[in-house]
């Protein structure tokens, strides 16, 4: 007998999408949502609140789910079984809800996902490494949850290899450990949010390798040492937040004259001075917004 490893290509179907959405509705307290127009009915999926569809292989397929601020509740793990059924899903935004529990492994089965937004929920556990191995993922926003543990050092290594991540935000969680110099290799990053956690150690000078970085949030941690002068090489930087690190020392490096104009600068911490002479102020034009 001849055996073949060939498997038919799964193009998905609108029926599969509908079943997936109904799983989400059932397991995230759909009856109590702020807006559930169209959900749990036989109407076209494109008419369901928060659902966007596009033509794929002759059918209208779900490509975006945006249910932020909509009173979703319950375990994220229970709702996660529905999302991989929508194989053309590219954007998943469930921010500002009451979803709880760890980030489930099923999320990595959403093969075409580009944006994952889960900020301002009740999520716990570690930041899973699989997020760094999803080849199309460009945005991860897990800010303002209760995620904990060391931020896996393999995450920036894997992100550097895929070179697709543009926004990685874990601001305001309970993450520990130190900020790896490997983050300086993720040269696709435009925004990096590591503020409001419990990171210790130094700010790695290797971050200067992030040539397109526009936002860097390192505020409200337990970072120490001097501010590395190499940060002045971040020519695209528009927002820098360092405040709340009470053991940072020294003054703002003169190299920041090369940055050009920052839209937001916050660096209120003990043992440090701003060192904003006339040349520095002139570099900004009007003074930067200080938070």
Protein backbone atom coordinates (compact mmCIF):
# COMPACT_ATOMS: atom_id res chain seq x y z
CA UNK A 1 0.00 0.00 0.00
CA UNK A 2 1.13 3.54 -0.72
CA UNK A 3 0.59 6.10 2.00
CA UNK A 4 0.56 9.81 1.35
CA UNK A 5 1.18 12.63 3.84
CA UNK A 6 -0.93 14.99 1.72
CA UNK A 7 -3.66 16.79 3.58
CA UNK A 8 -6.39 18.94 2.01
CA UNK A 9 -5.97 22.68 2.46
CA UNK A 10 -8.39 24.13 4.99
CA UNK A 11 -9.85 27.28 3.47
CA UNK A 12 -12.32 27.67 6.32
CA UNK A 13 -16.02 28.33 6.04
CA UNK A 14 -18.56 30.84 7.26
CA UNK A 15 -20.25 27.98 9.14
CA UNK A 16 -17.05 27.29 11.06
CA UNK A 17 -16.72 31.01 11.83
CA UNK A 18 -20.28 31.09 13.14
CA UNK A 19 -19.66 28.12 15.42
CA UNK A 20 -16.51 29.76 16.74
CA UNK A 21 -18.29 33.03 17.49
CA UNK A 22 -21.07 31.21 19.31
CA UNK A 23 -18.49 29.50 21.53
CA UNK A 24 -17.12 32.92 22.41
CA UNK A 25 -20.61 34.23 23.13
CA UNK A 26 -21.49 31.30 25.36
CA UNK A 27 -18.25 31.26 27.35
CA UNK A 28 -17.77 35.01 27.79
CA UNK A 29 -21.18 35.81 29.27
CA UNK A 30 -22.78 37.00 26.06
CA UNK A 31 -26.19 37.61 27.60
CA UNK A 32 -24.65 40.29 29.80
CA UNK A 33 -22.66 42.13 27.12
CA UNK A 34 -23.07 45.85 26.73
CA UNK A 35 -23.83 45.39 23.03
CA UNK A 36 -24.74 42.01 21.54
CA UNK A 37 -26.53 43.13 18.43
CA UNK A 38 -26.78 40.28 15.92
CA UNK A 39 -25.12 37.71 18.17
CA UNK A 40 -26.69 34.27 18.66
CA UNK A 41 -28.99 34.83 15.71
CA UNK A 42 -29.12 33.58 12.15
CA UNK A 43 -28.21 36.96 10.63
CA UNK A 44 -25.07 37.45 8.46
CA UNK A 45 -21.90 37.55 10.53
CA UNK A 46 -20.97 40.99 9.21
CA UNK A 47 -24.01 42.42 11.03
CA UNK A 48 -22.89 41.10 14.43
CA UNK A 49 -21.57 43.82 16.72
CA UNK A 50 -17.78 43.98 16.72
CA UNK A 51 -17.33 41.48 13.89
CA UNK A 52 -15.78 42.39 10.53
CA UNK A 53 -15.83 40.10 7.53
CA UNK A 54 -14.09 40.05 4.17
CA UNK A 55 -14.46 37.94 1.05
CA UNK A 56 -12.27 34.84 1.13
CA UNK A 57 -12.64 32.03 -1.40
CA UNK A 58 -16.14 33.07 -2.30
CA UNK A 59 -17.41 33.40 1.26
CA UNK A 60 -17.66 36.18 3.81
CA UNK A 61 -15.11 35.20 6.46
CA UNK A 62 -14.40 36.75 9.86
CA UNK A 63 -11.16 38.77 9.84
CA UNK A 64 -11.61 41.04 12.88
CA UNK A 65 -13.24 40.80 16.31
CA UNK A 66 -13.34 44.01 18.33
CA UNK A 67 -15.28 43.65 21.58
CA UNK A 68 -13.39 46.06 23.82
CA UNK A 69 -15.33 47.74 26.64
CA UNK A 70 -18.17 45.26 26.17
CA UNK A 71 -18.46 43.49 29.54
CA UNK A 72 -17.00 40.17 28.48
CA UNK A 73 -16.29 38.03 31.52
CA UNK A 74 -15.11 34.59 32.49
CA UNK A 75 -12.08 32.51 31.69
CA UNK A 76 -10.13 33.49 28.59
CA UNK A 77 -9.20 29.81 28.23
CA UNK A 78 -12.83 28.84 27.73
CA UNK A 79 -13.41 31.42 25.01
CA UNK A 80 -10.11 30.62 23.28
CA UNK A 81 -11.40 27.41 21.74
CA UNK A 82 -13.61 29.46 19.43
CA UNK A 83 -10.95 31.68 17.87
CA UNK A 84 -8.88 29.05 15.97
CA UNK A 85 -12.10 28.00 14.19
CA UNK A 86 -11.93 31.36 12.41
CA UNK A 87 -8.84 30.65 10.33
CA UNK A 88 -8.80 34.06 8.62
CA UNK A 89 -8.91 36.02 11.88
CA UNK A 90 -6.29 38.81 11.81
CA UNK A 91 -7.32 41.20 14.60
CA UNK A 92 -8.57 40.22 18.07
CA UNK A 93 -9.34 43.08 20.46
CA UNK A 94 -10.86 42.13 23.81
CA UNK A 95 -9.41 44.96 25.87
CA UNK A 96 -11.13 46.59 28.86
CA UNK A 97 -13.25 43.62 29.90
CA UNK A 98 -13.34 41.15 32.82
CA UNK A 99 -11.58 38.17 31.27
CA UNK A 100 -9.43 36.23 33.69
CA UNK A 101 -6.92 33.41 33.90
CA UNK A 102 -3.72 32.69 32.00
CA UNK A 103 -3.16 33.21 28.29
CA UNK A 104 -4.19 29.87 26.75
CA UNK A 105 -2.06 27.96 24.28
CA UNK A 106 -4.99 27.84 21.85
CA UNK A 107 -4.23 31.43 20.88
CA UNK A 108 -1.18 30.27 18.96
CA UNK A 109 -3.49 28.29 16.65
CA UNK A 110 -4.81 31.54 15.16
CA UNK A 111 -2.25 31.30 12.39
CA UNK A 112 -3.05 34.57 10.59
CA UNK A 113 -3.35 36.75 13.67
CA UNK A 114 -1.65 40.14 13.32
CA UNK A 115 -2.96 42.05 16.35
CA UNK A 116 -3.75 40.74 19.83
CA UNK A 117 -5.16 43.28 22.31
CA UNK A 118 -6.06 42.04 25.79
CA UNK A 119 -5.23 45.09 27.90
CA UNK A 120 -7.16 46.01 31.06
CA UNK A 121 -8.49 42.61 31.96
CA UNK A 122 -7.82 40.25 34.90
CA UNK A 123 -5.27 38.00 33.24
CA UNK A 124 -2.72 36.15 35.37
CA UNK A 125 0.26 33.88 34.90
CA UNK A 126 3.33 34.39 32.73
CA UNK A 127 3.69 36.02 29.34
CA UNK A 128 3.82 32.88 27.18
CA UNK A 129 6.75 32.34 24.87
CA UNK A 130 4.50 31.18 22.02
CA UNK A 131 3.51 34.80 21.37
CA UNK A 132 7.01 35.38 20.01
CA UNK A 133 6.70 32.46 17.61
CA UNK A 134 3.53 33.51 15.81
CA UNK A 135 4.99 34.55 12.44
CA UNK A 136 2.41 37.20 11.47
CA UNK A 137 1.87 38.84 14.83
CA UNK A 138 2.68 42.56 14.74
CA UNK A 139 1.02 43.88 17.90
CA UNK A 140 0.68 42.45 21.42
CA UNK A 141 -0.97 44.58 24.10
CA UNK A 142 -1.23 42.87 27.48
CA UNK A 143 -0.96 46.02 29.57
CA UNK A 144 -2.84 46.57 32.83
CA UNK A 145 -3.39 42.98 33.87
CA UNK A 146 -1.88 40.88 36.67
CA UNK A 147 0.67 38.91 34.67
CA UNK A 148 3.62 37.78 36.76
CA UNK A 149 6.92 35.94 36.77
CA UNK A 150 10.11 36.63 34.89
CA UNK A 151 9.63 37.84 31.33
CA UNK A 152 11.00 34.86 29.38
CA UNK A 153 14.39 35.77 27.92
CA UNK A 154 13.58 33.68 24.84
CA UNK A 155 10.83 36.14 23.88
CA UNK A 156 13.09 38.89 22.48
CA UNK A 157 15.35 36.27 20.90
CA UNK A 158 12.42 34.74 19.02
CA UNK A 159 10.99 38.15 18.12
CA UNK A 160 14.31 39.15 16.61
CA UNK A 161 14.17 36.05 14.45
CA UNK A 162 10.63 36.65 13.11
CA UNK A 163 11.15 40.43 12.67
CA UNK A 164 7.43 41.21 12.47
CA UNK A 165 6.60 42.59 15.95
CA UNK A 166 6.01 46.34 15.95
CA UNK A 167 4.21 46.91 19.26
CA UNK A 168 4.91 44.90 22.42
CA UNK A 169 3.23 46.32 25.51
CA UNK A 170 3.20 44.69 28.94
CA UNK A 171 3.01 47.94 30.93
CA UNK A 172 1.46 47.76 34.41
CA UNK A 173 1.66 44.11 35.34
CA UNK A 174 3.68 42.30 38.00
CA UNK A 175 6.58 41.05 35.89
CA UNK A 176 9.99 40.52 37.42
CA UNK A 177 13.56 39.83 36.33
CA UNK A 178 15.73 42.14 34.31
CA UNK A 179 15.42 43.78 30.92
CA UNK A 180 17.43 41.64 28.52
CA UNK A 181 19.92 43.21 26.13
CA UNK A 182 18.35 40.93 23.50
CA UNK A 183 15.53 43.46 23.14
CA UNK A 184 18.00 45.53 21.17
CA UNK A 185 17.89 42.93 18.41
CA UNK A 186 14.13 43.27 17.77
CA UNK A 187 14.72 45.95 15.16
CA UNK A 188 11.12 45.94 13.92
CA UNK A 189 9.83 47.43 17.20
CA UNK A 190 8.14 50.82 17.09
CA UNK A 191 6.73 50.68 20.63
CA UNK A 192 8.10 48.83 23.67
CA UNK A 193 6.18 49.05 26.94
CA UNK A 194 7.84 47.50 29.99
CA UNK A 195 6.81 50.11 32.56
CA UNK A 196 4.88 49.63 35.78
CA UNK A 197 6.40 46.26 36.66
CA UNK A 198 9.11 45.00 39.02
CA UNK A 199 12.09 44.82 36.69
CA UNK A 200 15.47 45.31 38.29
CA UNK A 201 18.99 45.95 37.06
CA UNK A 202 20.30 48.32 34.43
CA UNK A 203 18.76 49.79 31.30
CA UNK A 204 20.64 47.89 28.58
CA UNK A 205 22.62 50.11 26.24
CA UNK A 206 21.83 47.62 23.46
CA UNK A 207 18.40 49.21 23.12
CA UNK A 208 20.14 51.77 20.91
CA UNK A 209 19.84 49.21 18.10
CA UNK A 210 16.10 49.87 17.79
CA UNK A 211 16.33 52.27 14.87
CA UNK A 212 12.58 52.71 14.33
CA UNK A 213 11.54 52.81 18.01
CA UNK A 214 9.12 55.67 18.70
CA UNK A 215 7.95 54.85 22.25
CA UNK A 216 9.97 53.45 25.14
CA UNK A 217 8.24 52.97 28.51
CA UNK A 218 10.48 51.84 31.38
CA UNK A 219 8.82 53.85 34.15
CA UNK A 220 7.85 52.66 37.65
CA UNK A 221 10.22 49.72 37.92
CA UNK A 222 13.21 49.11 40.18
CA UNK A 223 15.89 49.89 37.62
CA UNK A 224 19.25 51.18 38.79
CA UNK A 225 22.54 52.47 37.36
CA UNK A 226 23.02 55.43 35.08
CA UNK A 227 20.89 56.20 32.05
CA UNK A 228 22.95 54.85 29.15
CA UNK A 229 24.12 57.58 26.82
CA UNK A 230 23.57 55.21 23.88
CA UNK A 231 19.83 55.87 24.10
CA UNK A 232 20.61 59.16 22.40
CA UNK A 233 21.05 57.15 19.21
CA UNK A 234 17.31 56.38 19.07
CA UNK A 235 16.66 58.85 16.28
CA UNK A 236 12.97 57.93 15.83
CA UNK A 237 12.09 58.20 19.54
CA UNK A 238 9.11 60.43 20.35
CA UNK A 239 8.10 59.24 23.84
CA UNK A 240 10.40 58.28 26.70
CA UNK A 241 9.13 57.46 30.18
CA UNK A 242 11.63 56.71 32.95
CA UNK A 243 9.93 58.15 36.04
CA UNK A 244 9.45 56.16 39.21
CA UNK A 245 12.80 54.35 39.13
CA UNK A 246 14.16 55.67 42.40
CA UNK A 247 17.65 54.21 41.98
CA UNK A 248 18.48 55.57 38.56
CA UNK A 249 21.37 57.98 38.78
CA UNK A 250 22.96 60.77 36.83
CA UNK A 251 21.54 63.21 34.34
CA UNK A 252 19.91 63.00 30.99
CA UNK A 253 22.74 62.23 28.55
CA UNK A 254 23.91 65.00 26.28
CA UNK A 255 23.53 62.47 23.46
CA UNK A 256 19.80 63.10 23.61
CA UNK A 257 20.51 66.25 21.64
CA UNK A 258 20.65 63.90 18.64
CA UNK A 259 17.14 62.62 19.21
CA UNK A 260 15.42 65.73 17.99
CA UNK A 261 12.05 66.61 19.45
CA UNK A 262 10.37 64.31 21.98
CA UNK A 263 6.61 64.60 22.30
CA UNK A 264 6.59 63.11 25.81
CA UNK A 265 9.38 62.97 28.36
CA UNK A 266 8.94 61.81 31.95
CA UNK A 267 11.92 61.24 34.19
CA UNK A 268 10.98 62.18 37.74
CA UNK A 269 13.13 59.99 39.98
CA UNK A 270 15.39 60.47 42.93
CA UNK A 271 19.17 60.67 42.57
CA UNK A 272 18.91 62.06 39.04
CA UNK A 273 18.81 65.45 37.41
CA UNK A 274 17.35 66.49 34.11
CA UNK A 275 20.38 68.53 33.00
CA UNK A 276 18.27 70.56 30.61
CA UNK A 277 20.52 73.45 29.65
CA UNK A 278 19.68 75.96 26.98
CA UNK A 279 21.07 73.78 24.20
CA UNK A 280 18.91 70.87 25.33
CA UNK A 281 15.75 72.97 25.40
CA UNK A 282 16.56 74.33 21.99
CA UNK A 283 16.85 70.77 20.71
CA UNK A 284 13.23 70.18 21.67
CA UNK A 285 11.92 73.44 20.29
CA UNK A 286 9.03 74.04 22.74
CA UNK A 287 9.57 72.07 25.97
CA UNK A 288 8.45 68.46 25.80
CA UNK A 289 5.31 67.39 27.66
CA UNK A 290 6.51 66.13 31.02
CA UNK A 291 4.44 63.49 32.78
